[in-house]
């Protein structure tokens, strides 16, 4: 009797495990997209077909940076009703050592709006990751832009200050000569 009870309990646990995994959301992520930064800017976005209600995604947009600078990204999705669209749940900047910066959700509802800013970007390979889920069974999409701006090196600032000082000295000298 004990063996039969244990067997039935094992079958119920296994059945519950299979049932719960069957109700898990499917992954509808796209393969990573390699971005080309033209003048430091690139558009990002993905579109998803119908029939994905409850499914999740983590789309990655990879890029390389060869200087020192800052990054700004804005991502948004629009859902005209509860019957279509996407819900964006995360935005992050990743490097070779993992998460570098997380985005901030500015708005949710019909329009999801996320923003990410990071000021200490060094040379290397990075990816922007956007996560979310399909609100309902109709098609949806998200889009936005990524801007990487180079920050001048300290020597550039030194040359600028030296040049301004020289201009001031020359102006004062002319004024005293006149």
N, C-alpha and C. Protein backbone atom coordinates (compact mmCIF):
# COMPACT_ATOMS: atom_id res chain seq x y z
N UNK A 1 0.83 -1.20 0.00
CA UNK A 1 0.00 0.00 0.00
C UNK A 1 0.87 1.26 0.00
N UNK A 2 1.95 1.24 0.79
CA UNK A 2 2.85 2.38 0.87
C UNK A 2 3.50 2.65 -0.48
N UNK A 3 3.88 1.58 -1.20
CA UNK A 3 4.51 1.72 -2.50
C UNK A 3 3.53 2.32 -3.50
N UNK A 4 2.29 1.90 -3.45
CA UNK A 4 1.28 2.42 -4.37
C UNK A 4 1.03 3.90 -4.11
N UNK A 5 0.96 4.30 -2.85
CA UNK A 5 0.75 5.71 -2.50
C UNK A 5 1.93 6.55 -2.97
N UNK A 6 3.15 6.05 -2.77
CA UNK A 6 4.34 6.77 -3.23
C UNK A 6 4.36 6.89 -4.74
N UNK A 7 3.97 5.84 -5.44
CA UNK A 7 3.94 5.87 -6.90
C UNK A 7 2.91 6.88 -7.40
N UNK A 8 1.75 6.89 -6.79
CA UNK A 8 0.70 7.84 -7.20
C UNK A 8 1.17 9.28 -6.93
N UNK A 9 1.80 9.51 -5.77
CA UNK A 9 2.31 10.84 -5.45
C UNK A 9 3.37 11.27 -6.46
N UNK A 10 4.26 10.37 -6.84
CA UNK A 10 5.30 10.68 -7.82
C UNK A 10 4.68 11.03 -9.17
N UNK A 11 3.66 10.28 -9.56
CA UNK A 11 2.98 10.56 -10.85
C UNK A 11 2.29 11.92 -10.80
N UNK A 12 1.65 12.26 -9.68
CA UNK A 12 0.99 13.56 -9.56
C UNK A 12 2.00 14.70 -9.61
N UNK A 13 3.13 14.55 -8.94
CA UNK A 13 4.16 15.59 -8.97
C UNK A 13 4.71 15.76 -10.37
N UNK A 14 4.98 14.63 -11.06
CA UNK A 14 5.49 14.70 -12.43
C UNK A 14 4.46 15.34 -13.35
N UNK A 15 3.20 15.00 -13.19
CA UNK A 15 2.14 15.59 -14.01
C UNK A 15 2.01 17.07 -13.78
N UNK A 16 2.11 17.51 -12.51
CA UNK A 16 2.03 18.93 -12.21
C UNK A 16 3.21 19.67 -12.81
N UNK A 17 4.38 19.05 -12.80
CA UNK A 17 5.56 19.68 -13.40
C UNK A 17 5.38 19.85 -14.89
N UNK A 18 4.90 18.82 -15.57
CA UNK A 18 4.68 18.92 -17.00
C UNK A 18 3.58 19.93 -17.33
N UNK A 19 2.54 19.97 -16.52
CA UNK A 19 1.45 20.91 -16.76
C UNK A 19 1.93 22.35 -16.57
N UNK A 20 2.74 22.58 -15.55
CA UNK A 20 3.21 23.95 -15.32
C UNK A 20 4.17 24.38 -16.41
N UNK A 21 5.01 23.49 -16.93
CA UNK A 21 5.92 23.88 -18.00
C UNK A 21 5.17 24.10 -19.30
N UNK A 22 4.04 23.44 -19.47
CA UNK A 22 3.25 23.63 -20.68
C UNK A 22 2.61 25.01 -20.70
N UNK A 23 2.37 25.59 -19.51
CA UNK A 23 1.74 26.90 -19.46
C UNK A 23 2.76 28.03 -19.43
N UNK A 24 4.04 27.70 -19.41
CA UNK A 24 5.07 28.74 -19.42
C UNK A 24 5.06 29.46 -20.76
N UNK A 25 5.44 30.71 -20.74
CA UNK A 25 5.47 31.51 -21.96
C UNK A 25 6.60 31.04 -22.86
N UNK A 26 6.33 31.06 -24.14
CA UNK A 26 7.35 30.70 -25.13
C UNK A 26 8.26 31.89 -25.39
N UNK A 27 9.48 31.59 -25.79
CA UNK A 27 10.45 32.63 -26.10
C UNK A 27 10.28 33.03 -27.57
N UNK A 28 10.06 34.32 -27.82
CA UNK A 28 9.92 34.79 -29.20
C UNK A 28 11.02 35.80 -29.54
N UNK A 29 12.19 35.66 -28.86
CA UNK A 29 13.31 36.57 -29.09
C UNK A 29 13.85 36.42 -30.50
N UNK A 30 14.36 37.53 -31.04
CA UNK A 30 15.02 37.51 -32.33
C UNK A 30 16.51 37.25 -32.12
N UNK A 31 17.19 36.82 -33.17
CA UNK A 31 18.64 36.65 -33.07
C UNK A 31 19.26 38.04 -32.88
N UNK A 32 20.41 38.12 -32.20
CA UNK A 32 21.02 39.44 -31.97
C UNK A 32 21.24 40.21 -33.28
N UNK A 33 20.95 41.49 -33.24
CA UNK A 33 21.12 42.38 -34.38
C UNK A 33 22.40 43.18 -34.20
N UNK A 34 23.26 43.19 -35.21
CA UNK A 34 24.50 43.96 -35.15
C UNK A 34 24.20 45.36 -35.68
N UNK A 35 24.49 46.36 -34.86
CA UNK A 35 24.22 47.75 -35.23
C UNK A 35 25.44 48.40 -35.84
N UNK A 36 25.20 49.24 -36.83
CA UNK A 36 26.24 50.10 -37.38
C UNK A 36 25.90 51.51 -36.93
N UNK A 37 26.79 52.10 -36.14
CA UNK A 37 26.54 53.44 -35.62
C UNK A 37 26.99 54.48 -36.64
N UNK A 38 26.04 55.06 -37.36
CA UNK A 38 26.33 56.12 -38.31
C UNK A 38 26.27 57.44 -37.57
N UNK A 39 27.38 58.15 -37.52
CA UNK A 39 27.48 59.40 -36.75
C UNK A 39 27.10 59.16 -35.29
N UNK A 40 27.38 57.97 -34.78
CA UNK A 40 27.11 57.64 -33.39
C UNK A 40 25.68 57.27 -33.08
N UNK A 41 24.82 57.12 -34.09
CA UNK A 41 23.40 56.84 -33.86
C UNK A 41 22.94 55.64 -34.67
N UNK A 42 22.01 54.89 -34.12
CA UNK A 42 21.41 53.78 -34.84
C UNK A 42 19.98 53.58 -34.34
N UNK A 43 19.11 53.16 -35.24
CA UNK A 43 17.74 52.82 -34.87
C UNK A 43 17.72 51.37 -34.38
N UNK A 44 16.88 51.10 -33.39
CA UNK A 44 16.70 49.74 -32.88
C UNK A 44 15.21 49.44 -32.87
N UNK A 45 14.88 48.17 -33.01
CA UNK A 45 13.48 47.79 -32.95
C UNK A 45 13.25 46.38 -33.43
N UNK A 46 12.08 45.86 -33.11
CA UNK A 46 11.67 44.52 -33.53
C UNK A 46 10.16 44.50 -33.71
N UNK A 47 9.72 43.64 -34.60
CA UNK A 47 8.29 43.43 -34.83
C UNK A 47 7.97 41.96 -34.57
N UNK A 48 6.79 41.73 -34.03
CA UNK A 48 6.36 40.38 -33.69
C UNK A 48 5.01 40.12 -34.34
N UNK A 49 4.86 38.92 -34.86
CA UNK A 49 3.62 38.55 -35.54
C UNK A 49 2.49 38.23 -34.57
N UNK A 50 1.33 37.95 -35.13
CA UNK A 50 0.15 37.61 -34.33
C UNK A 50 0.31 36.23 -33.71
N UNK A 51 -0.49 35.96 -32.71
CA UNK A 51 -0.52 34.64 -32.09
C UNK A 51 0.54 34.43 -31.02
N UNK A 52 1.06 35.50 -30.43
CA UNK A 52 2.11 35.39 -29.42
C UNK A 52 1.66 35.78 -28.02
N UNK A 53 0.37 35.81 -27.74
CA UNK A 53 -0.14 36.28 -26.45
C UNK A 53 0.60 35.60 -25.30
N UNK A 54 1.14 36.43 -24.40
CA UNK A 54 1.82 35.92 -23.22
C UNK A 54 3.26 35.49 -23.44
N UNK A 55 3.70 35.40 -24.69
CA UNK A 55 5.08 35.00 -24.97
C UNK A 55 6.04 36.14 -24.63
N UNK A 56 7.27 35.81 -24.32
CA UNK A 56 8.26 36.80 -23.90
C UNK A 56 9.39 36.92 -24.91
N UNK A 57 10.14 38.01 -24.78
CA UNK A 57 11.30 38.22 -25.66
C UNK A 57 12.40 38.94 -24.91
N UNK A 58 13.63 38.71 -25.33
CA UNK A 58 14.82 39.44 -24.91
C UNK A 58 15.63 39.67 -26.18
N UNK A 59 15.42 40.80 -26.82
CA UNK A 59 16.12 41.10 -28.07
C UNK A 59 17.40 41.88 -27.77
N UNK A 60 18.48 41.50 -28.48
CA UNK A 60 19.78 42.12 -28.25
C UNK A 60 20.24 42.86 -29.51
N UNK A 61 20.83 44.04 -29.27
CA UNK A 61 21.36 44.88 -30.34
C UNK A 61 22.83 45.14 -30.00
N UNK A 62 23.74 44.50 -30.74
CA UNK A 62 25.17 44.58 -30.42
C UNK A 62 25.84 45.72 -31.18
N UNK A 63 26.87 46.30 -30.56
CA UNK A 63 27.65 47.36 -31.21
C UNK A 63 29.03 47.41 -30.58
N UNK A 64 29.96 48.01 -31.29
CA UNK A 64 31.32 48.21 -30.80
C UNK A 64 31.59 49.70 -30.70
N UNK A 65 32.42 50.05 -29.73
CA UNK A 65 32.78 51.44 -29.51
C UNK A 65 34.28 51.51 -29.32
N UNK A 66 34.95 52.46 -29.97
CA UNK A 66 36.41 52.49 -29.95
C UNK A 66 36.99 53.69 -29.22
N UNK A 67 36.21 54.34 -28.42
CA UNK A 67 36.72 55.52 -27.71
C UNK A 67 36.27 55.53 -26.27
N UNK A 68 36.02 56.71 -25.76
CA UNK A 68 35.48 56.91 -24.42
C UNK A 68 34.32 57.88 -24.58
N UNK A 69 33.16 57.54 -24.00
CA UNK A 69 32.02 58.42 -24.21
C UNK A 69 30.82 58.08 -23.38
N UNK A 70 29.67 58.45 -23.90
CA UNK A 70 28.41 58.22 -23.20
C UNK A 70 27.40 57.60 -24.16
N UNK A 71 26.38 56.99 -23.59
CA UNK A 71 25.34 56.35 -24.39
C UNK A 71 23.98 56.80 -23.88
N UNK A 72 23.07 57.02 -24.82
CA UNK A 72 21.68 57.33 -24.52
C UNK A 72 20.81 56.46 -25.42
N UNK A 73 19.77 55.88 -24.84
CA UNK A 73 18.84 55.05 -25.62
C UNK A 73 17.42 55.32 -25.16
N UNK A 74 16.50 55.36 -26.10
CA UNK A 74 15.08 55.46 -25.82
C UNK A 74 14.35 54.39 -26.61
N UNK A 75 13.48 53.66 -25.92
CA UNK A 75 12.71 52.58 -26.54
C UNK A 75 11.24 52.81 -26.20
N UNK A 76 10.36 52.58 -27.18
CA UNK A 76 8.93 52.71 -26.89
C UNK A 76 8.14 51.69 -27.69
N UNK A 77 6.98 51.36 -27.16
CA UNK A 77 6.00 50.54 -27.88
C UNK A 77 4.64 51.18 -27.65
N UNK A 78 3.76 50.99 -28.59
CA UNK A 78 2.42 51.57 -28.51
C UNK A 78 1.39 50.47 -28.68
N UNK A 79 0.42 50.42 -27.78
CA UNK A 79 -0.66 49.44 -27.84
C UNK A 79 -1.98 50.19 -27.91
N UNK A 80 -2.62 50.24 -29.09
CA UNK A 80 -3.87 50.99 -29.22
C UNK A 80 -4.98 50.48 -28.29
N UNK A 81 -4.90 49.20 -27.93
CA UNK A 81 -5.90 48.63 -27.02
C UNK A 81 -5.28 47.43 -26.32
N UNK A 82 -6.04 46.83 -25.44
CA UNK A 82 -5.54 45.64 -24.74
C UNK A 82 -5.51 44.43 -25.67
N UNK A 83 -6.00 44.58 -26.89
CA UNK A 83 -6.05 43.46 -27.82
C UNK A 83 -4.79 43.32 -28.66
N UNK A 84 -3.85 44.24 -28.55
CA UNK A 84 -2.62 44.10 -29.33
C UNK A 84 -1.48 44.85 -28.66
N UNK A 85 -0.29 44.66 -29.19
CA UNK A 85 0.87 45.39 -28.69
C UNK A 85 1.77 44.58 -27.80
N UNK A 86 2.78 45.28 -27.29
CA UNK A 86 3.80 44.67 -26.44
C UNK A 86 3.90 45.42 -25.13
N UNK A 87 4.34 44.72 -24.12
CA UNK A 87 4.64 45.32 -22.82
C UNK A 87 6.14 45.21 -22.63
N UNK A 88 6.85 46.33 -22.65
CA UNK A 88 8.30 46.32 -22.43
C UNK A 88 8.53 46.29 -20.92
N UNK A 89 9.35 45.34 -20.48
CA UNK A 89 9.57 45.16 -19.04
C UNK A 89 11.01 45.43 -18.61
N UNK A 90 11.95 45.54 -19.56
CA UNK A 90 13.33 45.81 -19.16
C UNK A 90 14.13 46.40 -20.32
N UNK A 91 15.15 47.17 -19.94
CA UNK A 91 16.09 47.75 -20.89
C UNK A 91 17.44 47.78 -20.17
N UNK A 92 18.46 47.20 -20.79
CA UNK A 92 19.76 47.17 -20.13
C UNK A 92 20.91 47.26 -21.11
N UNK A 93 22.03 47.78 -20.63
CA UNK A 93 23.27 47.84 -21.40
C UNK A 93 24.21 46.81 -20.80
N UNK A 94 24.74 45.92 -21.64
CA UNK A 94 25.60 44.83 -21.20
C UNK A 94 26.95 44.91 -21.90
N UNK A 95 27.99 44.51 -21.18
CA UNK A 95 29.33 44.40 -21.72
C UNK A 95 29.86 43.01 -21.46
N UNK A 96 31.16 42.83 -21.62
CA UNK A 96 31.75 41.50 -21.44
C UNK A 96 31.65 41.00 -19.99
N UNK A 97 31.48 41.89 -19.03
CA UNK A 97 31.36 41.50 -17.63
C UNK A 97 29.93 41.50 -17.13
N UNK A 98 28.95 41.58 -18.01
CA UNK A 98 27.56 41.55 -17.60
C UNK A 98 26.88 42.90 -17.67
N UNK A 99 25.86 43.08 -16.84
CA UNK A 99 25.04 44.31 -16.84
C UNK A 99 25.87 45.52 -16.41
N UNK A 100 25.80 46.57 -17.22
CA UNK A 100 26.51 47.82 -16.93
C UNK A 100 25.54 48.88 -16.42
N UNK A 101 24.40 49.01 -17.08
CA UNK A 101 23.41 50.02 -16.69
C UNK A 101 22.01 49.53 -17.03
N UNK A 102 21.05 49.87 -16.17
CA UNK A 102 19.66 49.51 -16.39
C UNK A 102 18.87 50.74 -16.83
N UNK A 103 17.90 50.50 -17.68
CA UNK A 103 17.03 51.58 -18.12
C UNK A 103 15.99 51.92 -17.08
N UNK A 104 15.33 53.04 -17.28
CA UNK A 104 14.29 53.52 -16.38
C UNK A 104 12.99 53.61 -17.17
N UNK A 105 11.92 53.06 -16.60
CA UNK A 105 10.62 53.14 -17.24
C UNK A 105 10.01 54.50 -16.95
N UNK A 106 9.73 55.26 -18.02
CA UNK A 106 9.16 56.60 -17.87
C UNK A 106 7.64 56.59 -17.98
N UNK A 107 7.11 55.60 -18.71
CA UNK A 107 5.66 55.55 -18.93
C UNK A 107 5.26 54.11 -19.22
N UNK A 108 4.08 53.73 -18.76
CA UNK A 108 3.53 52.41 -19.06
C UNK A 108 2.04 52.55 -19.32
N UNK A 109 1.49 51.57 -19.99
CA UNK A 109 0.08 51.62 -20.37
C UNK A 109 -0.03 51.45 -21.87
N UNK A 110 -0.82 52.32 -22.51
CA UNK A 110 -0.92 52.25 -23.97
C UNK A 110 0.44 52.45 -24.61
N UNK A 111 1.22 53.36 -24.04
CA UNK A 111 2.57 53.61 -24.53
C UNK A 111 3.56 53.24 -23.44
N UNK A 112 4.48 52.36 -23.77
CA UNK A 112 5.60 52.04 -22.88
C UNK A 112 6.78 52.86 -23.34
N UNK A 113 7.43 53.56 -22.42
CA UNK A 113 8.58 54.38 -22.77
C UNK A 113 9.69 54.12 -21.76
N UNK A 114 10.86 53.75 -22.27
CA UNK A 114 12.03 53.47 -21.45
C UNK A 114 13.20 54.33 -21.92
N UNK A 115 14.07 54.67 -20.96
CA UNK A 115 15.24 55.47 -21.28
C UNK A 115 16.45 54.91 -20.52
N UNK A 116 17.60 54.96 -21.17
CA UNK A 116 18.85 54.51 -20.54
C UNK A 116 19.94 55.51 -20.87
N UNK A 117 20.68 55.93 -19.85
CA UNK A 117 21.83 56.83 -20.03
C UNK A 117 22.99 56.30 -19.21
N UNK A 118 24.18 56.36 -19.81
CA UNK A 118 25.39 55.92 -19.11
C UNK A 118 26.54 56.77 -19.61
N UNK A 119 27.34 57.34 -18.69
CA UNK A 119 28.34 58.32 -19.06
C UNK A 119 29.76 57.79 -19.21
N UNK A 120 30.09 56.64 -18.68
CA UNK A 120 31.48 56.17 -18.68
C UNK A 120 31.71 54.98 -19.60
N UNK A 121 31.35 55.11 -20.84
CA UNK A 121 31.50 54.02 -21.81
C UNK A 121 32.92 54.01 -22.36
N UNK A 122 33.63 52.92 -22.14
CA UNK A 122 34.99 52.77 -22.65
C UNK A 122 34.97 51.96 -23.94
N UNK A 123 36.09 51.87 -24.61
CA UNK A 123 36.18 51.09 -25.84
C UNK A 123 35.85 49.63 -25.54
N UNK A 124 35.09 48.99 -26.44
CA UNK A 124 34.74 47.59 -26.25
C UNK A 124 33.51 47.20 -27.04
N UNK A 125 33.06 45.96 -26.79
CA UNK A 125 31.87 45.41 -27.43
C UNK A 125 30.74 45.39 -26.41
N UNK A 126 29.57 45.84 -26.84
CA UNK A 126 28.42 45.97 -25.95
C UNK A 126 27.16 45.47 -26.65
N UNK A 127 26.10 45.29 -25.83
CA UNK A 127 24.78 45.07 -26.42
C UNK A 127 23.71 45.70 -25.55
N UNK A 128 22.71 46.22 -26.23
CA UNK A 128 21.52 46.77 -25.60
C UNK A 128 20.49 45.66 -25.63
N UNK A 129 19.89 45.35 -24.49
CA UNK A 129 18.89 44.27 -24.43
C UNK A 129 17.54 44.84 -24.03
N UNK A 130 16.52 44.53 -24.81
CA UNK A 130 15.15 44.95 -24.55
C UNK A 130 14.33 43.71 -24.26
N UNK A 131 13.64 43.70 -23.12
CA UNK A 131 12.82 42.56 -22.73
C UNK A 131 11.37 42.95 -22.59
N UNK A 132 10.50 41.97 -22.78
CA UNK A 132 9.08 42.23 -22.63
C UNK A 132 8.24 41.03 -22.98
N UNK A 133 6.96 41.27 -23.19
CA UNK A 133 6.03 40.20 -23.54
C UNK A 133 4.93 40.73 -24.45
N UNK A 134 4.29 39.80 -25.15
CA UNK A 134 3.16 40.16 -26.01
C UNK A 134 1.93 40.33 -25.14
N UNK A 135 1.23 41.45 -25.31
CA UNK A 135 0.05 41.75 -24.51
C UNK A 135 -1.11 40.84 -24.91
N UNK A 136 -1.27 40.60 -26.18
CA UNK A 136 -2.38 39.78 -26.66
C UNK A 136 -1.97 39.09 -27.95
N UNK A 137 -2.92 38.49 -28.62
CA UNK A 137 -2.62 37.67 -29.78
C UNK A 137 -2.35 38.40 -31.08
N UNK A 138 -2.48 39.72 -31.10
CA UNK A 138 -2.23 40.47 -32.34
C UNK A 138 -0.77 40.88 -32.44
N UNK A 139 -0.39 41.34 -33.62
CA UNK A 139 0.99 41.75 -33.86
C UNK A 139 1.36 42.98 -33.04
N UNK A 140 2.67 43.15 -32.79
CA UNK A 140 3.15 44.30 -32.05
C UNK A 140 4.60 44.59 -32.40
N UNK A 141 5.07 45.74 -31.99
CA UNK A 141 6.46 46.10 -32.28
C UNK A 141 6.95 47.13 -31.26
N UNK A 142 8.27 47.28 -31.19
CA UNK A 142 8.86 48.35 -30.41
C UNK A 142 9.96 48.96 -31.25
N UNK A 143 10.32 50.18 -30.92
CA UNK A 143 11.38 50.86 -31.66
C UNK A 143 11.97 51.99 -30.84
N UNK A 144 13.08 52.49 -31.32
CA UNK A 144 13.73 53.59 -30.64
C UNK A 144 15.07 53.90 -31.27
N UNK A 145 15.91 54.59 -30.51
CA UNK A 145 17.22 54.92 -31.04
C UNK A 145 18.29 54.76 -29.97
N UNK A 146 19.50 54.60 -30.44
CA UNK A 146 20.68 54.45 -29.60
C UNK A 146 21.69 55.47 -30.08
N UNK A 147 22.20 56.30 -29.17
CA UNK A 147 23.18 57.31 -29.52
C UNK A 147 24.41 57.15 -28.63
N UNK A 148 25.57 57.02 -29.26
CA UNK A 148 26.83 56.94 -28.54
C UNK A 148 27.63 58.18 -28.90
N UNK A 149 28.00 58.96 -27.89
CA UNK A 149 28.73 60.22 -28.10
C UNK A 149 30.13 60.10 -27.51
N UNK A 150 31.11 60.46 -28.30
CA UNK A 150 32.49 60.45 -27.80
C UNK A 150 32.72 61.67 -26.91
N UNK A 151 33.43 61.45 -25.83
CA UNK A 151 33.81 62.53 -24.92
C UNK A 151 35.26 62.89 -25.22
N UNK A 152 35.56 64.18 -25.41
CA UNK A 152 36.95 64.56 -25.69
C UNK A 152 37.89 64.12 -24.58
N UNK A 153 39.12 63.79 -24.96
CA UNK A 153 40.13 63.40 -23.98
C UNK A 153 40.59 64.63 -23.21
N UNK A 154 41.16 64.44 -22.01
CA UNK A 154 41.61 65.58 -21.20
C UNK A 154 42.60 66.48 -21.93
N UNK A 155 43.43 65.92 -22.80
CA UNK A 155 44.41 66.73 -23.53
C UNK A 155 43.70 67.73 -24.44
N UNK A 156 42.54 67.36 -24.96
CA UNK A 156 41.77 68.26 -25.81
C UNK A 156 41.30 69.46 -25.01
N UNK A 157 40.82 69.21 -23.80
CA UNK A 157 40.40 70.32 -22.94
C UNK A 157 41.59 71.22 -22.59
N UNK A 158 42.74 70.63 -22.34
CA UNK A 158 43.95 71.41 -22.04
C UNK A 158 44.33 72.32 -23.19
N UNK A 159 44.27 71.79 -24.41
CA UNK A 159 44.59 72.61 -25.59
C UNK A 159 43.57 73.73 -25.76
N UNK A 160 42.30 73.44 -25.50
CA UNK A 160 41.26 74.46 -25.60
C UNK A 160 41.51 75.59 -24.59
N UNK A 161 41.78 75.22 -23.35
CA UNK A 161 42.04 76.24 -22.33
C UNK A 161 43.30 77.03 -22.64
N UNK A 162 44.34 76.34 -23.13
CA UNK A 162 45.57 77.04 -23.51
C UNK A 162 45.32 78.04 -24.63
N UNK A 163 44.53 77.66 -25.62
CA UNK A 163 44.19 78.55 -26.73
C UNK A 163 43.39 79.74 -26.27
N UNK A 164 42.43 79.53 -25.38
CA UNK A 164 41.63 80.65 -24.85
C UNK A 164 42.51 81.59 -24.03
N UNK A 165 43.43 81.02 -23.26
CA UNK A 165 44.36 81.86 -22.48
C UNK A 165 45.24 82.69 -23.39
N UNK A 166 45.72 82.09 -24.48
CA UNK A 166 46.56 82.81 -25.44
C UNK A 166 45.77 83.94 -26.10
N UNK A 167 44.52 83.69 -26.47
CA UNK A 167 43.67 84.74 -27.05
C UNK A 167 43.46 85.88 -26.06
N UNK A 168 43.22 85.55 -24.79
CA UNK A 168 43.05 86.58 -23.77
C UNK A 168 44.31 87.41 -23.59
N UNK A 169 45.46 86.74 -23.58
CA UNK A 169 46.74 87.44 -23.43
C UNK A 169 46.98 88.38 -24.61
N UNK A 170 46.70 87.91 -25.84
CA UNK A 170 46.90 88.73 -27.04
C UNK A 170 45.95 89.94 -27.03
N UNK A 171 44.69 89.70 -26.59
CA UNK A 171 43.72 90.79 -26.54
C UNK A 171 44.16 91.86 -25.52
N UNK A 172 44.63 91.43 -24.37
CA UNK A 172 45.08 92.36 -23.34
C UNK A 172 46.31 93.14 -23.80
N UNK A 173 47.19 92.46 -24.50
CA UNK A 173 48.41 93.10 -24.99
C UNK A 173 48.07 94.18 -26.01
N UNK A 174 47.11 93.88 -26.91
CA UNK A 174 46.69 94.88 -27.91
C UNK A 174 46.04 96.08 -27.25
N UNK A 175 45.24 95.80 -26.22
CA UNK A 175 44.54 96.87 -25.51
C UNK A 175 45.54 97.80 -24.81
N UNK A 176 46.58 97.20 -24.19
CA UNK A 176 47.60 98.00 -23.52
C UNK A 176 48.48 98.76 -24.49
N UNK A 177 48.68 98.23 -25.70
CA UNK A 177 49.52 98.88 -26.71
C UNK A 177 48.80 100.09 -27.30
N UNK A 178 47.48 100.07 -27.30
CA UNK A 178 46.72 101.15 -27.92
C UNK A 178 46.55 102.34 -27.05
